[in-house]
Protein backbone atom coordinates (compact mmCIF):
# COMPACT_ATOMS: atom_id res chain seq x y z
CA UNK A 1 116.42 78.50 94.64
CA UNK A 2 115.43 77.83 98.27
CA UNK A 3 113.90 74.68 99.53
CA UNK A 4 111.87 74.76 101.72
CA UNK A 5 110.51 71.44 104.04
CA UNK A 6 107.63 71.64 106.45
CA UNK A 7 106.09 69.22 108.24
CA UNK A 8 102.39 69.85 109.69
CA UNK A 9 99.05 68.44 110.97
CA UNK A 10 95.92 69.14 110.73
CA UNK A 11 92.59 68.99 112.39
CA UNK A 12 89.10 70.14 112.00
CA UNK A 13 88.25 73.35 113.02
CA UNK A 14 85.16 75.59 112.05
CA UNK A 15 85.67 78.44 109.64
CA UNK A 16 84.88 80.96 107.23
CA UNK A 17 88.33 80.95 105.62
CA UNK A 18 88.32 79.42 101.54
CA UNK A 19 91.16 76.41 100.90
CA UNK A 20 91.20 75.03 97.00
CA UNK A 21 93.38 72.41 95.33
CA UNK A 22 93.99 72.93 91.47
CA UNK A 23 96.60 69.65 90.77
CA UNK A 24 99.42 69.86 87.75
CA UNK A 25 98.54 69.51 84.26
CA UNK A 26 102.25 68.30 84.33
CA UNK A 27 102.23 64.27 85.93
CA UNK A 28 106.63 65.13 87.02
CA UNK A 29 104.77 68.14 89.52
CA UNK A 30 101.62 66.67 91.18
CA UNK A 31 103.63 65.95 94.18
CA UNK A 32 104.31 69.65 94.39
CA UNK A 33 101.89 73.33 95.58
CA UNK A 34 102.25 76.77 94.91
CA UNK A 35 100.31 78.44 97.64
CA UNK A 36 98.35 81.29 98.01
CA UNK A 37 97.36 82.85 101.31
CA UNK A 38 94.67 85.11 102.76
CA UNK A 39 92.74 85.45 106.32
CA UNK A 40 89.99 86.87 106.43
CA UNK A 41 90.35 88.06 110.54
CA UNK A 42 89.30 91.44 111.68
CA UNK A 43 85.46 92.01 112.05
CA UNK A 44 83.21 94.80 113.40
CA UNK A 45 84.48 96.46 116.63
CA UNK A 46 84.34 96.08 120.36
CA UNK A 47 82.60 98.62 122.33
CA UNK A 48 84.36 98.99 125.17
CA UNK A 49 87.76 100.41 124.09
CA UNK A 50 88.14 103.94 124.24
CA UNK A 51 88.40 105.48 121.22
CA UNK A 52 89.10 103.91 117.63
CA UNK A 53 86.96 100.71 118.56
CA UNK A 54 87.12 99.58 114.57
CA UNK A 55 89.48 95.73 114.21
CA UNK A 56 91.26 98.14 111.40
CA UNK A 57 92.70 94.44 110.18
CA UNK A 58 89.22 93.53 108.17
CA UNK A 59 89.55 95.73 105.30
CA UNK A 60 93.23 94.71 104.22
CA UNK A 61 92.27 90.75 105.01
CA UNK A 62 88.82 91.33 103.07
CA UNK A 63 91.08 92.35 100.19
CA UNK A 64 93.34 89.49 100.21
CA UNK A 65 90.73 86.83 100.40
CA UNK A 66 88.93 88.45 97.87
CA UNK A 67 91.91 88.63 95.35
CA UNK A 68 92.66 85.07 96.09
CA UNK A 69 88.88 84.26 95.24
CA UNK A 70 89.19 86.14 92.11
CA UNK A 71 92.67 83.96 90.98
CA UNK A 72 91.05 80.85 91.53
CA UNK A 73 88.29 81.55 89.01
CA UNK A 74 91.35 82.91 86.18
CA UNK A 75 92.56 79.26 87.09
CA UNK A 76 89.27 77.15 86.90
CA UNK A 77 88.06 79.24 83.62
CA UNK A 78 91.70 78.04 82.01
CA UNK A 79 91.39 75.52 79.52
CA UNK A 80 94.87 74.66 80.20
CA UNK A 81 95.94 73.18 84.01
CA UNK A 82 98.70 75.71 85.17
CA UNK A 83 102.03 73.02 85.17
């Protein structure tokens, strides 16, 4: 098993991202976390660029975010929370 230690700071920003938590049903694991991660960026296009003006990251980023929302919907529908 690989153990990772992460230090972090927080700051308030305006974003179109979604953050949620779902506590474990196992009291011994309340301080353990599994992260599911996706991001949404690259919206639109840049008309000042010659050739391909589309920010090509948009389709795959949107699908990753949509998948995370579906995972969250599935977890919230469970009668027993994940452990």
